[in-house]
Structures are given as structure tokens and as C-alpha cells.
């Protein structure tokens, strides 16, 4: 009988976790100019590539009301990549992107890239403009995103993210069904052993 209670409790916990995804809402506008932000609400921020790829990203208000930028200072030089790593897989990722370095002469082109936990590229978008709101929409299983302005061989420039939202991934229905089927099979085996 105790096993039946355990199976029931596990099934209830699975149903609860599947029904309650956690929202991530990051807004950098409230941070002080020059603040270094390495992590926030389970999201880690880092810099890669370029002259300024050491340290943590910084808050500036060059572009708007406050954004996390691809520099560990509040000015040039910059890193080519600003990376956001999530503590667990997310979906419904959207963000406000500010591009200080855009010009019609070829500078300012940025790739928005989403990766899974194994580092495989899930989605990529080439953005050519100043500021935008963008969403990875239906892309699921995102473990990290990168804002990359060095992929096309141009010089690095200041860009930033004003805000970002995402939802932690919920258990897929097929995974839940397999989990419950496995628990049921374990219950049947335990019940059969208790009769023997």
C-alpha cells in the first residue's frame, strides 16, 4: 500500500511541475550605470571574443534607459558576443535589443542565435538595423542565446539587451506518459511480488 501512495505522490508532483512553468523576466533599466551583472534569476551572462571578452557585462544607458552591453566597461573596446546561459531549458524567449553601432556602411549586423544544452544551434536570425523587439517564438529547449556582431568579420561595436523574458520548459506530454507508465509497471511488479 505504501508503494501505491508513493506512485500517487510522484504522479501528482509530475502533474504539478508540468502545469507550473516558471517565467523569467529580466529588465536591466533599473540597474545603475556601470554595474557589472554576472547572473540574475538563474541566468548567467558572459562575454566572448574580441578585445573585451574578459569579465562580466556592464550596464550602460548609451542606447536607452539601461541595458546590459557587450563590454566589461561602459565604453569601447567590446566583446563580439554577449551570451545568456539559462539554468534550465527555456522556450518563448523574447527580448528588446539595442544596437548603438549600426550604420548603413556595413557595421551593425548582428546574429541572434539559440543553442541547446549540447551546444547545437537551434535557431539563428541575421538582424540588420538599430533597435528591435524579437522572439524565438516556437523554438524550444533553448539553453543559451548569443548576440554576435563579429560573425560576419566586421569590427565589434556596442550593443545591448534592455529586457528579456522566457519560460522554463515544461515536461513534454510523451515524457510524462512514459514516466507514468514506468511507475505503473513498477507498481504491478511490486504488487505481484507481494502476492508471491
Protein backbone atom coordinates (compact mmCIF):
# COMPACT_ATOMS: atom_id res chain seq x y z
CA UNK A 1 0.00 0.00 0.00
CA UNK A 2 2.90 2.36 0.70
CA UNK A 3 4.13 1.89 -2.86
CA UNK A 4 0.73 2.98 -4.22
CA UNK A 5 0.98 6.17 -2.14
CA UNK A 6 4.49 6.83 -3.46
CA UNK A 7 3.36 6.32 -7.07
CA UNK A 8 0.39 8.63 -6.49
CA UNK A 9 2.59 11.31 -4.95
CA UNK A 10 5.09 11.07 -7.81
CA UNK A 11 2.31 11.36 -10.39
CA UNK A 12 0.88 14.40 -8.58
CA UNK A 13 4.33 16.03 -8.44
CA UNK A 14 4.83 15.40 -12.15
CA UNK A 15 1.43 16.89 -12.97
CA UNK A 16 2.17 19.93 -10.77
CA UNK A 17 5.58 20.56 -12.37
CA UNK A 18 4.16 20.21 -15.88
CA UNK A 19 1.40 22.70 -15.13
CA UNK A 20 3.61 25.32 -13.48
CA UNK A 21 6.33 26.60 -15.76
CA UNK A 22 8.44 29.40 -14.31
CA UNK A 23 8.57 32.78 -16.03
CA UNK A 24 11.87 34.63 -16.36
CA UNK A 25 11.51 38.41 -16.71
CA UNK A 26 14.71 40.43 -16.80
CA UNK A 27 14.67 44.22 -17.01
CA UNK A 28 18.05 45.96 -16.92
CA UNK A 29 16.70 49.52 -16.88
CA UNK A 30 16.68 49.67 -13.07
CA UNK A 31 20.40 48.99 -12.65
CA UNK A 32 22.98 51.71 -12.06
CA UNK A 33 25.21 52.85 -14.89
CA UNK A 34 28.49 50.91 -14.76
CA UNK A 35 27.11 47.98 -12.73
CA UNK A 36 28.55 44.59 -13.59
CA UNK A 37 25.92 41.86 -13.86
CA UNK A 38 27.16 38.25 -13.94
CA UNK A 39 23.89 36.47 -13.19
CA UNK A 40 20.27 37.18 -12.38
CA UNK A 41 17.23 34.95 -11.76
CA UNK A 42 19.05 31.78 -12.83
CA UNK A 43 20.53 33.33 -15.99
CA UNK A 44 24.31 33.77 -16.33
CA UNK A 45 25.79 36.49 -18.55
CA UNK A 46 29.22 36.34 -20.19
CA UNK A 47 31.36 37.91 -22.90
CA UNK A 48 33.17 36.05 -25.70
CA UNK A 49 35.52 37.05 -28.50
CA UNK A 50 37.06 40.39 -29.31
CA UNK A 51 39.24 42.75 -27.32
CA UNK A 52 36.97 42.96 -24.26
CA UNK A 53 35.99 39.33 -23.69
CA UNK A 54 37.18 39.19 -20.07
CA UNK A 55 34.95 39.92 -17.12
CA UNK A 56 31.22 40.40 -16.85
CA UNK A 57 28.90 42.53 -18.97
CA UNK A 58 28.11 46.07 -17.84
CA UNK A 59 25.01 48.23 -17.61
CA UNK A 60 25.07 51.41 -19.68
CA UNK A 61 22.50 53.92 -20.80
CA UNK A 62 24.13 54.84 -24.09
CA UNK A 63 21.30 53.45 -26.10
CA UNK A 64 18.22 53.65 -23.95
CA UNK A 65 17.14 53.65 -20.34
CA UNK A 66 19.62 50.97 -19.32
CA UNK A 67 20.87 47.84 -20.99
CA UNK A 68 23.31 45.01 -20.46
CA UNK A 69 26.02 45.55 -23.09
CA UNK A 70 28.85 43.60 -24.70
CA UNK A 71 31.56 45.38 -22.72
CA UNK A 72 33.08 44.93 -19.26
CA UNK A 73 33.48 48.70 -19.11
CA UNK A 74 30.95 51.26 -20.22
CA UNK A 75 32.77 52.01 -23.45
CA UNK A 76 34.93 50.54 -26.21
CA UNK A 77 36.59 48.10 -26.78
CA UNK A 78 33.87 45.49 -26.80
CA UNK A 79 33.43 41.74 -26.98
CA UNK A 80 31.88 40.35 -30.15
CA UNK A 81 29.45 38.09 -28.27
CA UNK A 82 27.12 38.70 -25.33
CA UNK A 83 25.93 35.31 -24.06
CA UNK A 84 22.93 34.47 -21.85
CA UNK A 85 23.03 30.95 -20.33
CA UNK A 86 19.86 29.62 -18.69
CA UNK A 87 19.89 27.35 -15.63
CA UNK A 88 17.47 25.02 -17.41
CA UNK A 89 15.96 24.77 -20.87
CA UNK A 90 13.56 27.58 -21.80
CA UNK A 91 11.07 28.45 -24.50
CA UNK A 92 9.18 31.59 -25.57
CA UNK A 93 12.36 33.69 -25.44
CA UNK A 94 11.82 37.34 -26.41
CA UNK A 95 13.96 40.40 -25.88
CA UNK A 96 14.47 44.10 -26.59
CA UNK A 97 17.77 44.60 -28.47
CA UNK A 98 19.52 47.97 -28.80
CA UNK A 99 22.20 48.49 -31.44
CA UNK A 100 24.44 51.52 -30.94
CA UNK A 101 26.90 50.69 -33.71
CA UNK A 102 24.58 50.30 -36.67
CA UNK A 103 25.39 52.20 -39.85
CA UNK A 104 24.41 51.79 -43.46
CA UNK A 105 28.07 51.27 -44.35
CA UNK A 106 28.08 47.67 -43.19
CA UNK A 107 28.56 47.90 -39.44
CA UNK A 108 25.91 46.82 -37.00
CA UNK A 109 24.86 43.49 -38.41
CA UNK A 110 24.12 41.09 -35.57
CA UNK A 111 23.22 37.42 -35.32
CA UNK A 112 20.74 36.27 -32.69
CA UNK A 113 21.48 32.59 -32.03
CA UNK A 114 19.78 29.99 -29.81
CA UNK A 115 21.59 26.83 -28.66
CA UNK A 116 20.52 23.65 -26.82
CA UNK A 117 22.37 22.09 -23.85
CA UNK A 118 24.72 20.16 -26.18
CA UNK A 119 25.71 23.40 -27.92
CA UNK A 120 23.86 22.62 -31.13
CA UNK A 121 22.44 25.62 -32.97
CA UNK A 122 18.62 25.61 -32.76
CA UNK A 123 17.81 28.89 -34.48
CA UNK A 124 19.65 31.86 -35.95
CA UNK A 125 18.49 35.25 -37.18
CA UNK A 126 20.53 37.85 -39.02
CA UNK A 127 19.48 41.32 -37.89
CA UNK A 128 20.43 44.44 -39.80
CA UNK A 129 19.20 47.57 -38.06
CA UNK A 130 19.13 49.71 -34.97
CA UNK A 131 16.75 48.53 -32.25
CA UNK A 132 14.19 45.76 -32.27
CA UNK A 133 11.99 43.51 -30.21
CA UNK A 134 12.46 39.88 -31.23
CA UNK A 135 11.15 36.47 -30.17
CA UNK A 136 12.47 32.98 -30.83
CA UNK A 137 8.76 32.03 -30.66
CA UNK A 138 8.28 28.32 -31.22
CA UNK A 139 11.91 27.30 -30.59
CA UNK A 140 12.03 25.01 -27.54
CA UNK A 141 14.85 23.55 -25.46
CA UNK A 142 16.96 26.72 -25.51
CA UNK A 143 19.86 26.56 -23.02
CA UNK A 144 21.70 29.67 -24.18
CA UNK A 145 21.42 32.57 -26.59
CA UNK A 146 24.18 34.63 -28.12
CA UNK A 147 24.13 38.10 -29.61
CA UNK A 148 27.04 38.07 -32.06
CA UNK A 149 28.26 41.01 -34.10
CA UNK A 150 31.61 39.51 -35.09
CA UNK A 151 30.32 36.60 -37.19
CA UNK A 152 30.48 38.48 -40.47
CA UNK A 153 34.04 39.75 -39.99
CA UNK A 154 33.17 43.35 -39.20
CA UNK A 155 34.53 45.26 -36.24
CA UNK A 156 32.82 44.98 -32.91
CA UNK A 157 30.61 47.79 -31.60
CA UNK A 158 28.40 48.43 -28.60
CA UNK A 159 25.04 46.72 -28.47
CA UNK A 160 22.86 45.72 -25.56
CA UNK A 161 19.78 43.95 -24.28
CA UNK A 162 17.25 46.10 -22.45
CA UNK A 163 14.97 43.28 -21.33
CA UNK A 164 14.43 39.56 -21.82
CA UNK A 165 11.64 37.16 -20.98
CA UNK A 166 11.40 33.37 -21.25
CA UNK A 167 9.53 30.43 -19.77
CA UNK A 168 11.24 27.39 -18.31
CA UNK A 169 10.48 24.31 -20.34
CA UNK A 170 7.73 22.07 -19.04
CA UNK A 171 7.69 18.30 -19.18
CA UNK A 172 6.64 17.08 -22.60
CA UNK A 173 3.40 15.03 -22.64
CA UNK A 174 5.18 11.98 -24.06
CA UNK A 175 7.80 12.13 -21.31
CA UNK A 176 5.07 12.38 -18.69
CA UNK A 177 3.19 9.42 -20.22
CA UNK A 178 6.35 7.29 -20.26
CA UNK A 179 7.10 8.27 -16.67
CA UNK A 180 3.62 7.32 -15.51
CA UNK A 181 3.70 4.07 -17.50
CA UNK A 182 7.01 3.17 -15.84
CA UNK A 183 5.58 3.90 -12.40
CA UNK A 184 2.55 1.76 -13.21
CA UNK A 185 4.80 -1.11 -14.32
CA UNK A 186 6.83 -0.82 -11.12
CA UNK A 187 3.58 -0.89 -9.13
CA UNK A 188 2.41 -4.03 -10.96
CA UNK A 189 5.73 -5.77 -10.29
CA UNK A 190 5.65 -4.79 -6.61
CA UNK A 191 2.06 -5.92 -6.26
CA UNK A 192 2.88 -9.27 -7.94
CA UNK A 193 5.88 -9.79 -5.62
CA UNK A 194 3.74 -9.11 -2.55
CA UNK A 195 1.30 -11.85 -3.61
CA UNK A 196 4.05 -14.49 -4.07
